[in-house]
Amino acid sequence: MEFLTELFATSGGVLGGLLGVVGFFVMMAVLKSLIKAELPDNVLVVTGRRKVKGGKTFGFSVERGRTIKIPYFQSVGTLDLGVYPINVRVEGVNSANGITVGADATACVCIDDDDEGMLYSAVERLMGKDREQIQQQIQQTLVGNFRGALNKATPLQAIGMEESWREEEDDDGGEQAEELR
């Protein structure tokens, strides 16, 4: 016992400094397990919290920037809100006038985080999927919509030329009518 008393008496400053450094690292570890931060183009999805949006109860909350989580009771995931470039190619679609057409398109899709209802809906559908799976799901949806749009349009409408063709026809018809007078 005398040894410990002598040790603390002679090296009190060193021991106090050592305890302070250990305490600092323990506090940093506790804070790191409690506070989660994410980049601006991502949202944090905290499961284990109940949130009511638009009369619907969700078992998660969506936070931007940073949040505090309770270890063992809540978990935190992220959802990328960045731009997803999607290439769409459709072939063998019957147009409105019965002509078989094909088309290529590129769409840049992102998740809208301004509308909370849409954001929560997107989190329900996309949480737990990686970027490649999300791109594949978006591509399948776009292919279906693209096929439907091509099916309802004539080839000229599909490429945006019907309006310009009608304008040229009206211009030519007007000039011909004036020549006949």
C-alpha atoms as a PDB file:
ATOM      1  CA  MET A   1       0.000   0.000   0.000  1.00  0.00           C
ATOM      2  CA  GLU A   2       2.906   2.303   0.770  1.00  0.00           C
ATOM      3  CA  PHE A   3       4.193   1.679  -2.728  1.00  0.00           C
ATOM      4  CA  LEU A   4       0.978   2.979  -4.317  1.00  0.00           C
ATOM      5  CA  THR A   5       0.888   6.016  -2.049  1.00  0.00           C
ATOM      6  CA  GLU A   6       4.485   6.795  -2.953  1.00  0.00           C
ATOM      7  CA  LEU A   7       3.805   6.231  -6.665  1.00  0.00           C
ATOM      8  CA  PHE A   8       0.842   8.620  -6.699  1.00  0.00           C
ATOM      9  CA  ALA A   9       2.691  11.207  -4.655  1.00  0.00           C
ATOM     10  CA  THR A  10       5.789  11.299  -6.874  1.00  0.00           C
ATOM     11  CA  SER A  11       4.156  10.857 -10.284  1.00  0.00           C
ATOM     12  CA  GLY A  12       0.760  12.500  -9.781  1.00  0.00           C
ATOM     13  CA  GLY A  13       1.165  14.766 -12.806  1.00  0.00           C
ATOM     14  CA  VAL A  14       2.126  11.917 -15.157  1.00  0.00           C
ATOM     15  CA  LEU A  15      -0.636   9.636 -13.931  1.00  0.00           C
ATOM     16  CA  GLY A  16      -3.207  12.428 -14.148  1.00  0.00           C
ATOM     17  CA  GLY A  17      -2.093  13.202 -17.706  1.00  0.00           C
ATOM     18  CA  LEU A  18      -2.280   9.537 -18.665  1.00  0.00           C
ATOM     19  CA  LEU A  19      -5.787   9.217 -17.211  1.00  0.00           C
ATOM     20  CA  GLY A  20      -6.803  12.388 -19.075  1.00  0.00           C
ATOM     21  CA  VAL A  21      -5.579  10.982 -22.426  1.00  0.00           C
ATOM     22  CA  VAL A  22      -7.305   7.638 -21.835  1.00  0.00           C
ATOM     23  CA  GLY A  23     -10.499   9.464 -20.806  1.00  0.00           C
ATOM     24  CA  PHE A  24     -10.330  11.582 -23.979  1.00  0.00           C
ATOM     25  CA  PHE A  25     -10.082   8.512 -26.239  1.00  0.00           C
ATOM     26  CA  VAL A  26     -12.904   6.750 -24.386  1.00  0.00           C
ATOM     27  CA  MET A  27     -15.097   9.836 -24.809  1.00  0.00           C
ATOM     28  CA  MET A  28     -14.255  10.041 -28.537  1.00  0.00           C
ATOM     29  CA  ALA A  29     -15.181   6.365 -28.982  1.00  0.00           C
ATOM     30  CA  VAL A  30     -18.532   6.914 -27.237  1.00  0.00           C
ATOM     31  CA  LEU A  31     -19.289   9.994 -29.356  1.00  0.00           C
ATOM     32  CA  LYS A  32     -18.295   8.163 -32.544  1.00  0.00           C
ATOM     33  CA  SER A  33     -20.753   5.367 -31.737  1.00  0.00           C
ATOM     34  CA  LEU A  34     -23.535   7.906 -31.045  1.00  0.00           C
ATOM     35  CA  ILE A  35     -23.093  10.515 -33.801  1.00  0.00           C
ATOM     36  CA  LYS A  36     -23.332   9.583 -37.485  1.00  0.00           C
ATOM     37  CA  ALA A  37     -22.600  12.021 -40.311  1.00  0.00           C
ATOM     38  CA  GLU A  38     -23.022  11.738 -44.080  1.00  0.00           C
ATOM     39  CA  LEU A  39     -22.185  13.659 -47.242  1.00  0.00           C
ATOM     40  CA  PRO A  40     -24.696  16.231 -48.562  1.00  0.00           C
ATOM     41  CA  ASP A  41     -25.855  14.053 -51.477  1.00  0.00           C
ATOM     42  CA  ASN A  42     -26.826  11.188 -49.131  1.00  0.00           C
ATOM     43  CA  VAL A  43     -29.485  10.870 -46.459  1.00  0.00           C
ATOM     44  CA  LEU A  44     -29.243   8.921 -43.234  1.00  0.00           C
ATOM     45  CA  VAL A  45     -32.032   6.429 -42.581  1.00  0.00           C
ATOM     46  CA  VAL A  46     -32.394   5.661 -38.882  1.00  0.00           C
ATOM     47  CA  THR A  47     -34.362   2.484 -38.225  1.00  0.00           C
ATOM     48  CA  GLY A  48     -35.826   1.974 -34.780  1.00  0.00           C
ATOM     49  CA  ARG A  49     -37.535   5.376 -34.695  1.00  0.00           C
ATOM     50  CA  ARG A  50     -41.214   5.831 -35.419  1.00  0.00           C
ATOM     51  CA  LYS A  51     -42.137   8.766 -37.646  1.00  0.00           C
ATOM     52  CA  VAL A  52     -45.566   9.880 -38.882  1.00  0.00           C
ATOM     53  CA  LYS A  53     -45.659  11.502 -42.335  1.00  0.00           C
ATOM     54  CA  GLY A  54     -48.898  12.295 -44.122  1.00  0.00           C
ATOM     55  CA  GLY A  55     -50.967  10.164 -41.755  1.00  0.00           C
ATOM     56  CA  LYS A  56     -48.769   7.109 -42.366  1.00  0.00           C
ATOM     57  CA  THR A  57     -46.497   5.675 -39.662  1.00  0.00           C
ATOM     58  CA  PHE A  58     -42.990   4.641 -40.677  1.00  0.00           C
ATOM     59  CA  GLY A  59     -40.546   2.563 -38.638  1.00  0.00           C
ATOM     60  CA  PHE A  60     -37.662   4.793 -39.678  1.00  0.00           C
ATOM     61  CA  SER A  61     -36.759   8.445 -39.960  1.00  0.00           C
ATOM     62  CA  VAL A  62     -34.814  10.218 -42.685  1.00  0.00           C
ATOM     63  CA  GLU A  63     -32.174  12.701 -41.544  1.00  0.00           C
ATOM     64  CA  ARG A  64     -29.902  14.965 -43.553  1.00  0.00           C
ATOM     65  CA  GLY A  65     -26.331  15.729 -42.577  1.00  0.00           C
ATOM     66  CA  ARG A  66     -25.924  14.155 -39.152  1.00  0.00           C
ATOM     67  CA  THR A  67     -27.931  12.393 -36.479  1.00  0.00           C
ATOM     68  CA  ILE A  68     -27.587  10.730 -33.103  1.00  0.00           C
ATOM     69  CA  LYS A  69     -28.326   7.032 -32.815  1.00  0.00           C
ATOM     70  CA  ILE A  70     -28.809   4.904 -29.747  1.00  0.00           C
ATOM     71  CA  PRO A  71     -26.546   1.838 -30.051  1.00  0.00           C
ATOM     72  CA  TYR A  72     -28.265  -1.575 -29.932  1.00  0.00           C
ATOM     73  CA  PHE A  73     -31.724   0.029 -30.360  1.00  0.00           C
ATOM     74  CA  GLN A  74     -31.280   1.928 -33.625  1.00  0.00           C
ATOM     75  CA  SER A  75     -29.290   1.334 -36.772  1.00  0.00           C
ATOM     76  CA  VAL A  76     -28.254   3.816 -39.444  1.00  0.00           C
ATOM     77  CA  GLY A  77     -28.137   3.245 -43.196  1.00  0.00           C
ATOM     78  CA  THR A  78     -27.585   5.628 -46.090  1.00  0.00           C
ATOM     79  CA  LEU A  79     -29.380   6.274 -49.357  1.00  0.00           C
ATOM     80  CA  ASP A  80     -27.583   7.954 -52.247  1.00  0.00           C
ATOM     81  CA  LEU A  81     -29.497  10.916 -53.704  1.00  0.00           C
ATOM     82  CA  GLY A  82     -27.009  11.446 -56.531  1.00  0.00           C
ATOM     83  CA  VAL A  83     -27.723  11.339 -60.247  1.00  0.00           C
ATOM     84  CA  TYR A  84     -28.192   7.929 -61.850  1.00  0.00           C
ATOM     85  CA  PRO A  85     -27.445   7.962 -65.608  1.00  0.00           C
ATOM     86  CA  ILE A  86     -29.628   5.317 -67.270  1.00  0.00           C
ATOM     87  CA  ASN A  87     -29.333   4.104 -70.873  1.00  0.00           C
ATOM     88  CA  VAL A  88     -32.567   2.720 -72.301  1.00  0.00           C
ATOM     89  CA  ARG A  89     -32.870   0.750 -75.535  1.00  0.00           C
ATOM     90  CA  VAL A  90     -36.205  -0.559 -76.846  1.00  0.00           C
ATOM     91  CA  GLU A  91     -36.764  -2.516 -80.044  1.00  0.00           C
ATOM     92  CA  GLY A  92     -39.724  -4.140 -81.734  1.00  0.00           C
ATOM     93  CA  VAL A  93     -42.422  -1.773 -80.426  1.00  0.00           C
ATOM     94  CA  ASN A  94     -45.545  -1.319 -82.562  1.00  0.00           C
ATOM     95  CA  SER A  95     -46.322   2.383 -82.916  1.00  0.00           C
ATOM     96  CA  ALA A  96     -49.794   3.923 -83.061  1.00  0.00           C
ATOM     97  CA  ASN A  97     -50.017   3.447 -86.832  1.00  0.00           C
ATOM     98  CA  GLY A  98     -48.702  -0.130 -86.778  1.00  0.00           C
ATOM     99  CA  ILE A  99     -45.082   0.507 -87.745  1.00  0.00           C
ATOM    100  CA  THR A 100     -42.493  -1.419 -85.713  1.00  0.00           C
ATOM    101  CA  VAL A 101     -39.939   0.974 -84.219  1.00  0.00           C
ATOM    102  CA  GLY A 102     -37.002   0.930 -81.864  1.00  0.00           C
ATOM    103  CA  ALA A 103     -35.331   3.730 -79.964  1.00  0.00           C
ATOM    104  CA  ASP A 104     -32.420   4.606 -77.692  1.00  0.00           C
ATOM    105  CA  ALA A 105     -32.546   7.138 -74.879  1.00  0.00           C
ATOM    106  CA  THR A 106     -30.490   8.289 -71.935  1.00  0.00           C
ATOM    107  CA  ALA A 107     -32.087   9.571 -68.764  1.00  0.00           C
ATOM    108  CA  CYS A 108     -30.478  11.183 -65.746  1.00  0.00           C
ATOM    109  CA  VAL A 109     -32.585  10.238 -62.730  1.00  0.00           C
ATOM    110  CA  CYS A 110     -32.278  11.399 -59.144  1.00  0.00           C
ATOM    111  CA  ILE A 111     -34.349  10.999 -55.996  1.00  0.00           C
ATOM    112  CA  ASP A 112     -36.247  14.186 -55.119  1.00  0.00           C
ATOM    113  CA  ASP A 113     -35.621  15.073 -51.496  1.00  0.00           C
ATOM    114  CA  ASP A 114     -37.774  18.226 -51.463  1.00  0.00           C
ATOM    115  CA  ASP A 115     -41.053  16.305 -51.091  1.00  0.00           C
ATOM    116  CA  GLU A 116     -40.952  14.383 -47.798  1.00  0.00           C
ATOM    117  CA  GLY A 117     -43.671  11.936 -48.847  1.00  0.00           C
ATOM    118  CA  MET A 118     -41.818  10.997 -52.028  1.00  0.00           C
ATOM    119  CA  LEU A 119     -38.535  10.686 -50.120  1.00  0.00           C
ATOM    120  CA  TYR A 120     -40.034   8.315 -47.544  1.00  0.00           C
ATOM    121  CA  SER A 121     -41.623   6.295 -50.348  1.00  0.00           C
ATOM    122  CA  ALA A 122     -38.248   6.052 -52.118  1.00  0.00           C
ATOM    123  CA  VAL A 123     -36.540   4.959 -48.898  1.00  0.00           C
ATOM    124  CA  GLU A 124     -39.139   2.189 -48.428  1.00  0.00           C
ATOM    125  CA  ARG A 125     -38.521   0.861 -51.937  1.00  0.00           C
ATOM    126  CA  LEU A 126     -34.769   1.360 -52.257  1.00  0.00           C
ATOM    127  CA  MET A 127     -33.258   0.958 -48.784  1.00  0.00           C
ATOM    128  CA  GLY A 128     -30.885  -1.982 -48.562  1.00  0.00           C
ATOM    129  CA  LYS A 129     -30.124  -1.989 -52.286  1.00  0.00           C
ATOM    130  CA  ASP A 130     -26.781  -1.001 -53.703  1.00  0.00           C
ATOM    131  CA  ARG A 131     -26.355   1.568 -56.481  1.00  0.00           C
ATOM    132  CA  GLU A 132     -26.311  -1.074 -59.245  1.00  0.00           C
ATOM    133  CA  GLN A 133     -29.585  -2.648 -58.078  1.00  0.00           C
ATOM    134  CA  ILE A 134     -31.226   0.791 -57.909  1.00  0.00           C
ATOM    135  CA  GLN A 135     -30.045   1.597 -61.448  1.00  0.00           C
ATOM    136  CA  GLN A 136     -31.422  -1.718 -62.709  1.00  0.00           C
ATOM    137  CA  GLN A 137     -34.812  -1.091 -61.077  1.00  0.00           C
ATOM    138  CA  ILE A 138     -34.979   2.424 -62.562  1.00  0.00           C
ATOM    139  CA  GLN A 139     -33.983   1.094 -65.987  1.00  0.00           C
ATOM    140  CA  GLN A 140     -36.737  -1.541 -65.948  1.00  0.00           C
ATOM    141  CA  THR A 141     -39.304   1.102 -65.025  1.00  0.00           C
ATOM    142  CA  LEU A 142     -38.075   3.458 -67.761  1.00  0.00           C
ATOM    143  CA  VAL A 143     -38.115   0.708 -70.401  1.00  0.00           C
ATOM    144  CA  GLY A 144     -41.762  -0.047 -69.566  1.00  0.00           C
ATOM    145  CA  ASN A 145     -42.736   3.631 -69.698  1.00  0.00           C
ATOM    146  CA  PHE A 146     -40.730   4.169 -72.901  1.00  0.00           C
ATOM    147  CA  ARG A 147     -42.452   1.213 -74.585  1.00  0.00           C
ATOM    148  CA  GLY A 148     -45.847   2.574 -73.552  1.00  0.00           C
ATOM    149  CA  ALA A 149     -45.048   6.041 -74.904  1.00  0.00           C
ATOM    150  CA  LEU A 150     -43.756   4.652 -78.224  1.00  0.00           C
ATOM    151  CA  ASN A 151     -46.834   2.442 -78.515  1.00  0.00           C
ATOM    152  CA  LYS A 152     -49.157   5.460 -78.290  1.00  0.00           C
ATOM    153  CA  ALA A 153     -47.186   7.681 -80.677  1.00  0.00           C
ATOM    154  CA  THR A 154     -46.563   7.626 -84.408  1.00  0.00           C
ATOM    155  CA  PRO A 155     -42.917   7.485 -85.504  1.00  0.00           C
ATOM    156  CA  LEU A 156     -43.008  11.194 -86.403  1.00  0.00           C
ATOM    157  CA  GLN A 157     -44.416  12.086 -83.000  1.00  0.00           C
ATOM    158  CA  ALA A 158     -41.819   9.913 -81.303  1.00  0.00           C
ATOM    159  CA  ILE A 159     -38.920  11.803 -82.849  1.00  0.00           C
ATOM    160  CA  GLY A 160     -40.644  15.167 -82.498  1.00  0.00           C
ATOM    161  CA  MET A 161     -40.949  15.863 -86.204  1.00  0.00           C
ATOM    162  CA  GLU A 162     -44.731  15.797 -86.663  1.00  0.00           C
ATOM    163  CA  GLU A 163     -45.165  19.345 -85.412  1.00  0.00           C
ATOM    164  CA  SER A 164     -42.374  20.680 -87.626  1.00  0.00           C
ATOM    165  CA  TRP A 165     -43.763  18.669 -90.580  1.00  0.00           C
ATOM    166  CA  ARG A 166     -47.218  20.209 -90.017  1.00  0.00           C
ATOM    167  CA  GLU A 167     -45.710  23.693 -89.789  1.00  0.00           C
ATOM    168  CA  GLU A 168     -43.911  23.155 -93.116  1.00  0.00           C
ATOM    169  CA  GLU A 169     -47.121  21.803 -94.650  1.00  0.00           C
ATOM    170  CA  ASP A 170     -49.060  24.844 -93.416  1.00  0.00           C
ATOM    171  CA  ASP A 171     -46.352  27.174 -94.731  1.00  0.00           C
ATOM    172  CA  ASP A 172     -46.306  25.459 -98.130  1.00  0.00           C
ATOM    173  CA  GLY A 173     -50.094  25.320 -98.281  1.00  0.00           C
ATOM    174  CA  GLY A 174     -50.365  29.003 -97.473  1.00  0.00           C
ATOM    175  CA  GLU A 175     -47.914  29.958-100.218  1.00  0.00           C
ATOM    176  CA  GLN A 176     -49.711  27.767-102.754  1.00  0.00           C
ATOM    177  CA  ALA A 177     -53.061  29.283-101.823  1.00  0.00           C
ATOM    178  CA  GLU A 178     -51.669  32.783-102.388  1.00  0.00           C
ATOM    179  CA  GLU A 179     -50.274  31.730-105.791  1.00  0.00           C
ATOM    180  CA  LEU A 180     -53.711  30.526-106.865  1.00  0.00           C
ATOM    181  CA  ARG A 181     -55.318  33.899-106.103  1.00  0.00           C
END
